Amino acid sequence: MKTRTFWIIVAIALTLDVRAAEAQCAPSVTPTSVSVPQTATTGSLSVIAGTNCTWTAVSNDSWITVTSATGSGIGSVTYSVAANTTGATRIGTMTVAGKTVTLTQSATGCPSTVTPTSVSVPQIGSTGSSLSVVSGTQCTWTAVSNVSWITVTSATGSGIGQVNYTVAANSTGVTRVGTMTVAGQTVTITEAGSGCSASVTPTSVSVPMIGSTSSLSVTSGTSCTWSAFSNVAWITVTSATGSGIGQVNYTVAANSTGVDRTGTMTVGGQTVTFTQSGTGCGVSVTPTSVTVPSIGSTSSLSVTTGTSCTWSAVSNVGWITVTSATGSGIGQVNYTVAANSTGVDRTGTITVGGQAVTFTQSGTGCGVSVTPTSVTVPSFGSTSSLSVTTGTSCTWSAVSNVGWIAVTSATGSGIGQVNYTVAANSTGVDRTGTITVGGQTVTFTQAASSCTYSVTPLSANVAANGGASAVSVTSGTQCSWTAVSNVAWISVTSATGSGIGQANYTVANNTGAARSGTLTVAGQTVTVTQAAGTTPPTSPANLRIIR
């Protein structure tokens, strides 16, 4: 009986050891869902498992070929997809480290990319807004609004272009969501129901295991306040309140849990999601998507990981060459993209530290790149420039789509710049406008003028015989103000000004009962109380002001 009990205990112990080993080798595959164009293409997947854990990859469909089928620990699976000649969209799968990866392949030769696909609009609405559409040179597309409060003002196009639209002011009192269908893609417009909606960028952040310190951008109305707080202990907000346009600083602690984790912050009522790696050598690559003109380019990618963590980079297509293939800690990957002589757009990837970086190269000779594509301007306006990059023999032009932005250098070729001037904003509300440069849209956001005023004193006691006096006004240099009397026996002798100054006034002789009157100075009310009297004034020397 004792012998049988002993063997039962041994069997249980062995089972627990096996299950523990299996748990340690639970792999992670990224991504698990991939969309591929109708043309033949290649790609890669990242696999993360324990150092001593082996894994395999196999295709479950004949049109998907796995070109690297086994590995261990942290690695990647490369694959190729045949051109889709079926005439219909098709879906296939691969099994990678026991996980199912789904590939969806388009049947059309005209895939389109729309940017952005999600837009937040303040309660006052917007005019002069636009979306970018990228498709094949011979491909036509249309745009249509699906709700009455969004109006599409340029509904058709082909190849690379833009869709202009306007959003009406929201008088419903609640946030509303509507959509446009652009080149078959759904674009979601979210419009705030109040005048103080906040826009936060970015709303999704990936953080390495070692942690990080960084910030988020917040945009709201000039007089709108907002706050930020963390919803998890491992994210600390170090600047928790603000107003108008500002930023939220934060610190993410190192992840010692051994597993990936997700947490959130709430900023101005918006949710920002943080995803932190649980491994000691998680790699972050920036950017993960690159658009290249047909003439090719030479540039680099930024790589961030732990100080003692090594990484490698490899090109998955013949027309992209990696010129610096290994590194450790924080570094960069240099690469060269060959000129595109195929006549059609093409897509390829580089795999860096297990992360896939996608390159999209135009099939035409004059693709234009503009930097920056989003500009924030103060209320008093500014003069500055945008950088333009294209082929040496390629010409481009720039045009403003709103009256308050003036383009001062409108044409060029090759690499150059567009100079512009933004007028001061006297509308009283924030506004958004665009410039179109070489078919690309550059968005300008300008804050409304913020002029606060301080008036001293706000009350004065005057003797019966009256006299002359003044109040001090303090405001911004560009802020103008006025002063006006609200009663006949007080006369304003200097009625306008700007910045720091004073409003002078005189008080007439009082021959009756005590009386009180007001001035309105820079929007503030100044109260003047005059004592009763029956004799005419002899001198202003008896005037006394209580501050």
Protein backbone atom coordinates (compact mmCIF):
# COMPACT_ATOMS: atom_id res chain seq x y z
CA MET A 1 0.00 0.00 0.00
CA LYS A 2 2.86 2.39 0.87
CA THR A 3 4.62 1.54 -2.40
CA ARG A 4 1.49 2.36 -4.43
CA THR A 5 1.06 5.69 -2.60
CA PHE A 6 4.70 6.53 -3.32
CA TRP A 7 4.28 6.01 -7.09
CA ILE A 8 1.07 8.08 -7.14
CA ILE A 9 2.97 10.98 -5.52
CA VAL A 10 5.81 10.62 -8.06
CA ALA A 11 3.31 10.68 -10.98
CA ILE A 12 1.65 13.86 -9.65
CA ALA A 13 5.05 15.56 -9.24
CA LEU A 14 6.08 14.68 -12.80
CA THR A 15 2.78 16.01 -14.17
CA LEU A 16 3.25 19.32 -12.32
CA ASP A 17 6.83 19.61 -13.67
CA VAL A 18 5.62 19.07 -17.24
CA ARG A 19 2.83 21.65 -16.86
CA ALA A 20 5.28 24.17 -15.38
CA ALA A 21 7.67 23.63 -18.32
CA GLU A 22 4.81 24.11 -20.77
CA ALA A 23 3.77 27.37 -19.06
CA GLN A 24 7.33 28.71 -19.30
CA CYS A 25 7.36 28.04 -23.08
CA ALA A 26 4.02 29.71 -23.84
CA PRO A 27 4.92 31.65 -27.02
CA SER A 28 3.64 35.05 -28.24
CA VAL A 29 3.14 35.67 -31.98
CA THR A 30 2.76 39.18 -33.51
CA PRO A 31 0.74 40.01 -35.51
CA THR A 32 -1.99 37.35 -35.56
CA SER A 33 -3.99 39.05 -38.31
CA VAL A 34 -2.46 40.34 -41.59
CA SER A 35 -4.03 42.03 -44.64
CA VAL A 36 -2.09 41.60 -47.91
CA PRO A 37 -2.63 43.15 -51.38
CA GLN A 38 -3.82 41.23 -54.44
CA THR A 39 -0.26 41.12 -55.81
CA ALA A 40 2.37 38.61 -54.62
CA THR A 41 4.13 39.76 -51.45
CA THR A 42 6.36 38.67 -48.57
CA GLY A 43 6.21 39.37 -44.86
CA SER A 44 7.29 38.25 -41.43
CA LEU A 45 5.89 37.52 -37.97
CA SER A 46 7.59 37.98 -34.59
CA VAL A 47 7.75 35.06 -32.15
CA ILE A 48 8.69 35.49 -28.47
CA ALA A 49 9.22 32.42 -26.24
CA GLY A 50 11.57 31.25 -23.50
CA THR A 51 15.28 30.94 -24.43
CA ASN A 52 15.20 27.12 -24.51
CA CYS A 53 11.76 26.83 -26.11
CA THR A 54 11.57 25.64 -29.71
CA TRP A 55 8.68 26.34 -32.08
CA THR A 56 7.57 25.60 -35.65
CA ALA A 57 5.52 27.33 -38.34
CA VAL A 58 3.38 25.71 -41.05
CA SER A 59 1.04 27.04 -43.76
CA ASN A 60 -2.51 25.69 -43.87
CA ASP A 61 -3.22 26.94 -47.42
CA SER A 62 -1.40 26.30 -50.71
CA TRP A 63 -1.12 30.01 -51.62
CA ILE A 64 0.81 30.79 -48.42
CA THR A 65 4.42 29.53 -48.20
CA VAL A 66 6.40 29.52 -44.95
CA THR A 67 10.06 30.23 -45.79
CA SER A 68 11.50 29.92 -42.24
CA ALA A 69 9.65 27.13 -40.43
CA THR A 70 11.46 26.53 -37.12
CA GLY A 71 13.18 28.49 -34.37
CA SER A 72 13.62 28.89 -30.63
CA GLY A 73 13.35 31.70 -28.10
CA ILE A 74 12.89 35.14 -29.73
CA GLY A 75 12.83 35.04 -33.54
CA SER A 76 10.77 35.57 -36.67
CA VAL A 77 8.85 33.58 -39.27
CA THR A 78 9.11 34.75 -42.88
CA TYR A 79 6.52 33.86 -45.49
CA SER A 80 5.41 34.63 -49.05
CA VAL A 81 1.90 35.03 -50.48
CA ALA A 82 1.06 34.26 -54.11
CA ALA A 83 -0.89 36.74 -56.26
CA ASN A 84 -4.67 36.41 -55.93
CA THR A 85 -6.18 35.40 -59.29
CA THR A 86 -9.48 34.08 -57.89
CA GLY A 87 -11.39 37.31 -58.41
CA ALA A 88 -12.59 37.33 -54.80
CA THR A 89 -11.07 38.15 -51.43
CA ARG A 90 -9.64 35.03 -49.76
CA ILE A 91 -8.64 34.11 -46.22
CA GLY A 92 -5.93 31.62 -45.21
CA THR A 93 -4.05 30.68 -42.06
CA MET A 94 -0.66 29.69 -40.74
CA THR A 95 -0.02 27.86 -37.48
CA VAL A 96 2.96 29.47 -35.75
CA ALA A 97 4.17 28.17 -32.37
CA GLY A 98 0.71 26.69 -31.86
CA LYS A 99 -1.00 30.03 -32.60
CA THR A 100 -3.28 30.69 -35.59
CA VAL A 101 -2.30 33.62 -37.83
CA THR A 102 -4.99 34.77 -40.28
CA LEU A 103 -4.10 36.31 -43.68
CA THR A 104 -6.74 38.19 -45.69
CA GLN A 105 -5.84 38.88 -49.33
CA SER A 106 -7.66 41.45 -51.47
CA ALA A 107 -8.98 40.51 -54.90
CA THR A 108 -8.81 44.02 -56.35
CA GLY A 109 -5.84 45.66 -58.00
CA CYS A 110 -6.70 49.08 -56.54
CA PRO A 111 -6.23 49.02 -52.76
CA SER A 112 -6.56 52.47 -51.21
CA THR A 113 -5.13 53.95 -48.04
CA VAL A 114 -7.05 56.76 -46.29
CA THR A 115 -5.39 58.93 -43.61
CA PRO A 116 -6.59 59.56 -40.96
CA THR A 117 -9.46 57.11 -40.46
CA SER A 118 -10.48 58.63 -37.11
CA VAL A 119 -10.95 62.38 -36.49
CA SER A 120 -11.98 64.32 -33.35
CA VAL A 121 -13.73 67.66 -33.97
CA PRO A 122 -14.62 70.36 -31.39
CA GLN A 123 -18.24 71.35 -30.74
CA ILE A 124 -17.95 74.39 -33.04
CA GLY A 125 -17.36 72.08 -36.04
CA SER A 126 -14.66 72.57 -38.68
CA THR A 127 -14.18 73.89 -42.21
CA GLY A 128 -11.37 73.30 -44.64
CA SER A 129 -10.60 69.85 -43.24
CA SER A 130 -9.31 67.07 -45.48
CA LEU A 131 -8.28 63.42 -45.68
CA SER A 132 -5.40 61.98 -47.72
CA VAL A 133 -6.11 59.14 -50.20
CA VAL A 134 -3.33 57.02 -51.69
CA SER A 135 -4.15 54.52 -54.49
CA GLY A 136 -2.76 53.33 -57.82
CA THR A 137 -2.27 55.96 -60.55
CA GLN A 138 -5.11 54.52 -62.67
CA CYS A 139 -7.44 53.86 -59.73
CA THR A 140 -10.49 56.06 -59.23
CA TRP A 141 -12.28 56.50 -55.88
CA THR A 142 -15.25 58.30 -54.40
CA ALA A 143 -16.17 59.81 -51.03
CA VAL A 144 -19.63 60.13 -49.46
CA SER A 145 -20.92 61.31 -46.09
CA ASN A 146 -23.20 58.95 -44.17
CA VAL A 147 -24.70 61.65 -41.89
CA SER A 148 -26.30 65.03 -42.62
CA TRP A 149 -23.93 67.09 -40.43
CA ILE A 150 -20.80 66.07 -42.39
CA THR A 151 -20.55 67.51 -45.91
CA VAL A 152 -18.07 66.18 -48.49
CA THR A 153 -16.94 69.06 -50.74
CA SER A 154 -14.67 67.04 -53.08
CA ALA A 155 -16.26 63.66 -53.72
CA THR A 156 -14.20 61.96 -56.44
CA GLY A 157 -10.56 61.51 -57.42
CA SER A 158 -7.93 59.08 -58.63
CA GLY A 159 -4.45 57.97 -57.57
CA ILE A 160 -3.02 60.19 -54.81
CA GLY A 161 -5.32 63.01 -53.70
CA GLN A 162 -7.48 64.35 -50.92
CA VAL A 163 -11.10 64.56 -49.80
CA ASN A 164 -12.24 67.93 -48.42
CA TYR A 165 -15.12 68.08 -45.96
CA THR A 166 -16.85 70.32 -43.41
CA VAL A 167 -18.44 69.45 -40.07
CA ALA A 168 -21.36 71.53 -38.81
CA ALA A 169 -21.44 72.89 -35.24
CA ASN A 170 -22.91 70.46 -32.71
CA SER A 171 -26.01 71.93 -31.05
CA THR A 172 -27.27 68.62 -29.63
CA GLY A 173 -25.51 69.10 -26.27
CA VAL A 174 -23.99 65.59 -26.41
CA THR A 175 -21.03 64.07 -28.26
CA ARG A 176 -21.99 62.57 -31.63
CA VAL A 177 -20.29 60.14 -34.00
CA GLY A 178 -20.71 59.97 -37.78
CA THR A 179 -18.89 58.38 -40.70
CA MET A 180 -17.75 58.99 -44.24
CA THR A 181 -17.01 56.24 -46.76
CA VAL A 182 -13.84 57.16 -48.65
CA ALA A 183 -12.40 54.82 -51.30
CA GLY A 184 -14.30 51.98 -49.65
CA GLN A 185 -12.77 52.80 -46.23
CA THR A 186 -14.78 54.00 -43.21
CA VAL A 187 -13.66 57.29 -41.65
CA THR A 188 -15.12 58.00 -38.20
CA ILE A 189 -15.78 61.60 -37.11
CA THR A 190 -16.33 62.22 -33.36
CA GLU A 191 -17.68 65.69 -32.53
CA ALA A 192 -17.73 67.00 -28.95
CA GLY A 193 -20.97 68.12 -27.39
CA SER A 194 -19.44 71.00 -25.43
CA GLY A 195 -16.95 73.79 -26.12
CA CYS A 196 -14.18 72.23 -24.03
CA SER A 197 -13.45 68.87 -25.62
CA ALA A 198 -9.82 67.76 -25.33
CA SER A 199 -7.72 66.08 -28.01
CA VAL A 200 -4.86 63.87 -26.74
CA THR A 201 -1.91 62.60 -28.83
CA PRO A 202 -0.98 59.77 -28.87
CA THR A 203 -3.78 57.66 -27.38
CA SER A 204 -1.78 54.42 -27.56
CA VAL A 205 1.80 54.07 -26.25
CA SER A 206 4.19 51.08 -26.37
CA VAL A 207 6.80 51.09 -23.59
CA PRO A 208 9.90 48.83 -23.28
CA MET A 209 10.38 46.64 -20.21
CA ILE A 210 12.96 49.09 -18.80
CA GLY A 211 10.26 51.80 -18.49
CA SER A 212 10.34 55.36 -19.82
CA THR A 213 9.69 59.04 -19.08
CA SER A 214 7.80 60.99 -21.75
CA SER A 215 4.77 63.22 -22.40
CA LEU A 216 1.39 63.44 -24.18
CA SER A 217 0.11 66.48 -26.11
CA VAL A 218 -3.27 67.96 -25.10
CA THR A 219 -5.26 70.42 -27.23
CA SER A 220 -8.41 72.20 -26.00
CA GLY A 221 -10.02 75.65 -25.98
CA THR A 222 -7.93 78.53 -24.54
CA SER A 223 -10.10 78.89 -21.42
CA CYS A 224 -10.77 75.15 -21.04
CA THR A 225 -9.13 73.35 -18.12
CA TRP A 226 -8.31 69.62 -18.07
CA SER A 227 -6.77 67.11 -15.70
CA ALA A 228 -4.85 63.84 -16.01
CA PHE A 229 -4.61 60.85 -13.67
CA SER A 230 -3.18 57.33 -13.85
CA ASN A 231 -5.44 54.31 -13.44
CA VAL A 232 -2.57 51.92 -12.51
CA ALA A 233 0.20 52.11 -9.91
CA TRP A 234 3.09 51.62 -12.36
CA ILE A 235 2.27 54.76 -14.38
CA THR A 236 2.90 58.08 -12.57
CA VAL A 237 1.52 61.39 -13.87
CA THR A 238 3.97 64.20 -13.00
CA SER A 239 1.95 67.14 -14.41
CA ALA A 240 -1.72 66.55 -13.68
CA THR A 241 -3.60 69.73 -14.69
CA GLY A 242 -3.54 72.36 -17.41
CA SER A 243 -5.62 74.47 -19.78
CA GLY A 244 -5.76 75.13 -23.52
CA ILE A 245 -2.80 73.62 -25.39
CA GLY A 246 -0.27 71.83 -23.15
CA GLN A 247 1.22 68.49 -22.24
CA VAL A 248 1.01 65.75 -19.61
CA ASN A 249 4.35 64.41 -18.35
CA TYR A 250 4.50 60.84 -17.06
CA THR A 251 6.86 58.09 -15.92
CA VAL A 252 6.39 54.34 -16.53
CA ALA A 253 8.20 52.06 -14.05
CA ALA A 254 10.30 49.07 -15.18
CA ASN A 255 8.27 45.87 -15.64
CA SER A 256 9.49 43.16 -13.27
CA THR A 257 6.39 40.94 -13.60
CA GLY A 258 7.86 38.78 -16.39
CA VAL A 259 4.72 39.19 -18.56
CA ASP A 260 3.37 41.93 -20.82
CA ARG A 261 1.01 44.37 -19.10
CA THR A 262 -1.50 47.03 -20.14
CA GLY A 263 -2.62 50.12 -18.18
CA THR A 264 -4.37 53.42 -18.85
CA MET A 265 -4.34 57.12 -18.05
CA THR A 266 -7.37 59.40 -18.30
CA VAL A 267 -6.50 62.80 -19.81
CA GLY A 268 -9.21 65.39 -20.34
CA GLY A 269 -11.79 62.60 -20.30
CA GLN A 270 -9.88 60.67 -22.99
CA THR A 271 -8.34 57.22 -22.37
CA VAL A 272 -4.65 56.66 -23.22
CA THR A 273 -3.57 53.00 -23.31
CA PHE A 274 -0.04 51.90 -22.36
CA THR A 275 1.33 48.48 -23.37
CA GLN A 276 4.59 47.45 -21.67
CA SER A 277 6.71 44.43 -22.61
CA GLY A 278 7.38 41.83 -19.95
CA THR A 279 10.69 40.62 -21.41
CA GLY A 280 14.09 42.09 -20.70
CA CYS A 281 14.86 42.73 -24.36
CA GLY A 282 11.65 44.03 -25.90
CA VAL A 283 12.52 46.12 -28.96
CA SER A 284 10.80 49.36 -30.04
CA VAL A 285 11.36 50.51 -33.66
CA THR A 286 10.44 53.98 -35.02
CA PRO A 287 8.89 54.43 -37.48
CA THR A 288 7.16 51.12 -38.29
CA SER A 289 5.73 52.40 -41.57
CA VAL A 290 7.75 54.31 -44.21
CA THR A 291 6.58 55.90 -47.47
CA VAL A 292 9.33 56.20 -50.10
CA PRO A 293 9.22 58.12 -53.43
CA SER A 294 9.79 56.19 -56.66
CA ILE A 295 13.34 57.61 -56.95
CA GLY A 296 14.32 55.66 -53.81
CA SER A 297 15.98 56.96 -50.63
CA THR A 298 18.66 56.38 -48.01
CA SER A 299 17.62 56.83 -44.38
CA SER A 300 17.49 55.12 -40.97
CA LEU A 301 15.19 53.65 -38.30
CA SER A 302 15.54 54.25 -34.54
CA VAL A 303 15.83 51.18 -32.29
CA THR A 304 15.27 51.21 -28.49
CA THR A 305 15.80 48.28 -26.10
CA GLY A 306 17.64 47.37 -22.89
CA THR A 307 21.32 48.43 -22.58
CA SER A 308 22.65 44.86 -22.77
CA CYS A 309 20.13 43.64 -25.35
CA THR A 310 21.36 42.87 -28.87
CA TRP A 311 19.25 43.04 -32.02
CA SER A 312 19.61 42.44 -35.76
CA ALA A 313 17.96 43.77 -38.90
CA VAL A 314 17.29 42.00 -42.20
CA SER A 315 15.55 43.04 -45.41
CA ASN A 316 12.82 40.73 -46.68
CA VAL A 317 12.84 42.07 -50.27
CA GLY A 318 15.61 42.56 -52.83
CA TRP A 319 15.00 46.29 -53.40
CA ILE A 320 15.63 47.30 -49.76
CA THR A 321 19.24 46.98 -48.54
CA VAL A 322 20.12 47.09 -44.82
CA THR A 323 23.56 48.72 -44.45
CA SER A 324 23.89 48.38 -40.64
CA ALA A 325 22.43 45.03 -39.61
CA THR A 326 23.25 44.55 -35.91
CA GLY A 327 23.42 46.57 -32.70
CA SER A 328 22.58 46.67 -29.01
CA GLY A 329 20.68 48.98 -26.66
CA ILE A 330 19.63 52.26 -28.30
CA GLY A 331 20.81 52.62 -31.91
CA GLN A 332 19.72 52.84 -35.52
CA VAL A 333 19.35 50.75 -38.65
CA ASN A 334 20.58 52.37 -41.86
CA TYR A 335 18.98 51.31 -45.14
CA THR A 336 18.80 52.13 -48.84
CA VAL A 337 15.68 51.77 -51.02
CA ALA A 338 16.35 51.34 -54.76
CA ALA A 339 14.49 53.35 -57.41
CA ASN A 340 11.18 51.78 -58.44
CA SER A 341 11.23 50.93 -62.14
CA THR A 342 8.24 48.56 -62.03
CA GLY A 343 5.71 51.26 -62.91
CA VAL A 344 3.40 50.23 -60.03
CA ASP A 345 3.41 50.85 -56.29
CA ARG A 346 5.16 48.17 -54.22
CA THR A 347 5.37 47.14 -50.57
CA GLY A 348 8.20 45.39 -48.71
CA THR A 349 9.44 44.91 -45.16
CA ILE A 350 12.52 45.01 -42.95
CA THR A 351 12.53 42.90 -39.77
CA VAL A 352 14.31 44.69 -36.90
CA GLY A 353 14.62 42.92 -33.55
CA GLY A 354 11.61 40.79 -34.44
CA GLN A 355 9.53 43.87 -35.39
CA ALA A 356 8.26 44.33 -38.98
CA VAL A 357 8.78 47.73 -40.64
CA THR A 358 6.66 48.22 -43.77
CA PHE A 359 7.93 50.24 -46.75
CA THR A 360 5.51 51.53 -49.39
CA GLN A 361 7.16 52.88 -52.54
CA SER A 362 5.38 54.86 -55.22
CA GLY A 363 5.45 53.62 -58.78
CA THR A 364 5.53 57.18 -60.13
CA GLY A 365 8.57 59.44 -60.31
CA CYS A 366 7.28 62.42 -58.34
CA GLY A 367 5.94 61.35 -54.96
CA VAL A 368 6.13 64.31 -52.53
CA SER A 369 7.03 64.21 -48.82
CA VAL A 370 6.13 67.27 -46.66
CA THR A 371 7.41 67.94 -43.09
CA PRO A 372 5.67 68.69 -40.78
CA THR A 373 2.10 67.78 -41.79
CA SER A 374 0.56 69.23 -38.60
CA VAL A 375 1.36 72.72 -37.21
CA THR A 376 0.14 74.43 -34.01
CA VAL A 377 0.14 78.26 -34.22
CA PRO A 378 -0.30 80.79 -31.35
CA SER A 379 -3.19 83.24 -31.45
CA PHE A 380 -0.99 86.16 -32.55
CA GLY A 381 0.07 84.29 -35.72
CA SER A 382 3.48 83.29 -37.09
CA THR A 383 5.76 83.16 -40.14
CA SER A 384 7.59 79.90 -40.86
CA SER A 385 8.19 77.21 -43.50
CA LEU A 386 7.57 73.56 -44.47
CA SER A 387 10.18 71.19 -45.95
CA VAL A 388 9.37 69.49 -49.28
CA THR A 389 11.21 66.43 -50.66
CA THR A 390 10.70 64.86 -54.11
CA GLY A 391 12.64 63.82 -57.23
CA THR A 392 15.21 66.28 -58.63
CA SER A 393 13.22 66.98 -61.80
CA CYS A 394 9.81 66.91 -60.10
CA THR A 395 7.91 70.18 -59.73
CA TRP A 396 5.35 70.93 -57.01
CA SER A 397 3.08 73.74 -55.93
CA ALA A 398 1.56 74.95 -52.68
CA VAL A 399 -1.80 76.63 -52.08
CA SER A 400 -3.63 77.82 -48.97
CA ASN A 401 -7.19 76.58 -48.50
CA VAL A 402 -8.20 79.34 -46.04
CA GLY A 403 -7.97 83.13 -46.13
CA TRP A 404 -5.97 83.51 -42.89
CA ILE A 405 -2.96 81.45 -44.11
CA ALA A 406 -0.86 83.06 -46.85
CA VAL A 407 1.63 81.01 -48.89
CA THR A 408 4.57 83.27 -49.80
CA SER A 409 6.55 80.76 -51.91
CA ALA A 410 4.08 78.68 -53.92
CA THR A 411 6.12 76.60 -56.38
CA GLY A 412 9.39 74.65 -56.50
CA SER A 413 11.09 71.46 -57.64
CA GLY A 414 13.13 68.70 -56.02
CA ILE A 415 14.04 69.43 -52.39
CA GLY A 416 12.88 72.86 -51.17
CA GLN A 417 10.57 74.67 -48.78
CA VAL A 418 7.22 76.44 -48.65
CA ASN A 419 7.18 79.74 -46.75
CA TYR A 420 3.92 80.85 -45.15
CA THR A 421 2.39 83.46 -42.84
CA VAL A 422 -0.51 82.84 -40.42
CA ALA A 423 -2.56 85.92 -39.46
CA ALA A 424 -3.51 86.71 -35.86
CA ASN A 425 -6.74 85.03 -34.72
CA SER A 426 -9.33 87.65 -33.84
CA THR A 427 -12.35 85.33 -34.15
CA GLY A 428 -12.54 84.54 -30.42
CA VAL A 429 -12.54 80.77 -31.03
CA ASP A 430 -9.89 78.20 -32.01
CA ARG A 431 -9.70 77.53 -35.75
CA THR A 432 -8.27 74.90 -38.13
CA GLY A 433 -7.16 75.35 -41.74
CA THR A 434 -5.00 73.60 -44.35
CA ILE A 435 -2.33 74.14 -46.98
CA THR A 436 -2.05 71.68 -49.89
CA VAL A 437 1.60 71.07 -50.87
CA GLY A 438 2.33 68.73 -53.77
CA GLY A 439 -1.00 66.99 -53.20
CA GLN A 440 -0.26 66.54 -49.47
CA THR A 441 -2.40 68.21 -46.78
CA VAL A 442 -0.77 70.21 -43.98
CA THR A 443 -3.15 71.03 -41.11
CA PHE A 444 -2.82 74.23 -39.05
CA THR A 445 -4.49 74.61 -35.64
CA GLN A 446 -4.57 78.15 -34.22
CA ALA A 447 -5.66 79.07 -30.70
CA ALA A 448 -8.10 81.91 -30.07
CA SER A 449 -6.72 85.15 -28.58
CA SER A 450 -6.42 84.98 -24.80
CA CYS A 451 -6.63 88.49 -23.30
CA THR A 452 -7.27 88.62 -19.56
CA TYR A 453 -7.49 91.97 -17.81
CA SER A 454 -6.73 93.26 -14.29
CA VAL A 455 -8.33 96.56 -13.22
CA THR A 456 -7.32 98.42 -9.97
CA PRO A 457 -9.10 99.74 -7.93
CA LEU A 458 -12.57 98.33 -8.50
CA SER A 459 -14.15 100.84 -6.06
CA ALA A 460 -13.54 104.51 -5.13
CA ASN A 461 -15.04 106.97 -2.61
CA VAL A 462 -15.20 110.58 -3.86
CA ALA A 463 -15.88 113.80 -1.99
CA ALA A 464 -18.99 115.85 -2.78
CA ASN A 465 -17.03 118.41 -4.78
CA GLY A 466 -15.85 115.69 -7.21
CA GLY A 467 -12.53 115.81 -9.11
CA ALA A 468 -10.29 113.76 -11.43
CA SER A 469 -8.91 110.27 -10.89
CA ALA A 470 -7.87 107.09 -12.72
CA VAL A 471 -7.88 103.27 -12.63
CA SER A 472 -4.93 101.07 -13.68
CA VAL A 473 -5.36 98.39 -16.38
CA THR A 474 -2.97 95.45 -16.92
CA SER A 475 -3.18 93.02 -19.89
CA GLY A 476 -1.09 91.40 -22.66
CA THR A 477 0.87 93.65 -25.02
CA GLN A 478 -1.44 92.88 -27.97
CA CYS A 479 -4.67 93.16 -25.95
CA SER A 480 -6.78 96.31 -26.41
CA TRP A 481 -9.43 97.60 -23.98
CA THR A 482 -12.01 100.38 -23.59
CA ALA A 483 -13.50 102.38 -20.74
CA VAL A 484 -17.03 103.84 -20.60
CA SER A 485 -19.09 105.63 -17.94
CA ASN A 486 -22.51 104.25 -17.11
CA VAL A 487 -23.83 107.47 -15.43
CA ALA A 488 -23.96 111.09 -16.61
CA TRP A 489 -22.02 112.59 -13.64
CA ILE A 490 -18.87 110.51 -14.33
CA SER A 491 -16.92 111.40 -17.49
CA VAL A 492 -14.23 109.14 -19.01
CA THR A 493 -11.38 111.30 -20.39
CA SER A 494 -9.21 108.45 -21.82
CA ALA A 495 -11.50 105.74 -23.20
CA THR A 496 -9.19 103.28 -24.99
CA GLY A 497 -5.80 101.62 -24.53
CA SER A 498 -3.83 98.37 -24.85
CA GLY A 499 -1.46 96.34 -22.68
CA ILE A 500 -0.58 98.16 -19.41
CA GLY A 501 -2.12 101.66 -19.01
CA GLN A 502 -4.81 103.66 -17.21
CA ALA A 503 -8.31 104.99 -17.77
CA ASN A 504 -8.75 108.61 -16.58
CA TYR A 505 -12.10 109.99 -15.44
CA THR A 506 -13.67 113.01 -13.68
CA VAL A 507 -16.55 113.17 -11.19
CA ALA A 508 -18.91 116.18 -11.24
CA ASN A 509 -19.84 118.22 -8.13
CA ASN A 510 -22.65 116.66 -6.09
CA THR A 511 -25.21 119.13 -4.71
CA GLY A 512 -27.66 116.49 -3.54
CA ALA A 513 -27.79 113.19 -1.64
CA ALA A 514 -24.95 110.63 -1.67
CA ARG A 515 -24.87 108.68 -4.89
CA SER A 516 -23.19 105.67 -6.52
CA GLY A 517 -22.35 105.01 -10.19
CA THR A 518 -20.19 102.70 -12.29
CA LEU A 519 -17.60 102.62 -15.03
CA THR A 520 -16.97 99.60 -17.28
CA VAL A 521 -13.21 99.29 -17.84
CA ALA A 522 -11.79 96.37 -19.88
CA GLY A 523 -14.97 94.45 -19.16
CA GLN A 524 -14.63 95.02 -15.37
CA THR A 525 -17.07 97.09 -13.25
CA VAL A 526 -15.60 99.98 -11.24
CA THR A 527 -17.96 101.43 -8.58
CA VAL A 528 -17.68 105.13 -7.62
CA THR A 529 -19.48 106.33 -4.45
CA GLN A 530 -19.81 110.12 -3.95
CA ALA A 531 -20.65 111.83 -0.69
CA ALA A 532 -23.65 114.18 -0.36
CA GLY A 533 -22.97 117.93 -0.64
CA THR A 534 -24.53 121.32 -1.26
CA THR A 535 -21.54 123.57 -2.05
CA PRO A 536 -19.77 123.93 -5.35
CA PRO A 537 -16.28 122.43 -5.69
CA THR A 538 -13.30 124.60 -4.73
CA SER A 539 -10.44 122.23 -5.45
CA PRO A 540 -9.87 118.59 -6.47
CA ALA A 541 -7.56 118.32 -3.47
CA ASN A 542 -10.41 116.94 -1.33
CA LEU A 543 -10.82 113.87 -3.62
CA ARG A 544 -9.88 110.72 -1.74
CA ILE A 545 -9.76 107.23 -3.32
CA ILE A 546 -9.92 104.17 -1.11
CA ARG A 547 -8.08 101.28 -2.73
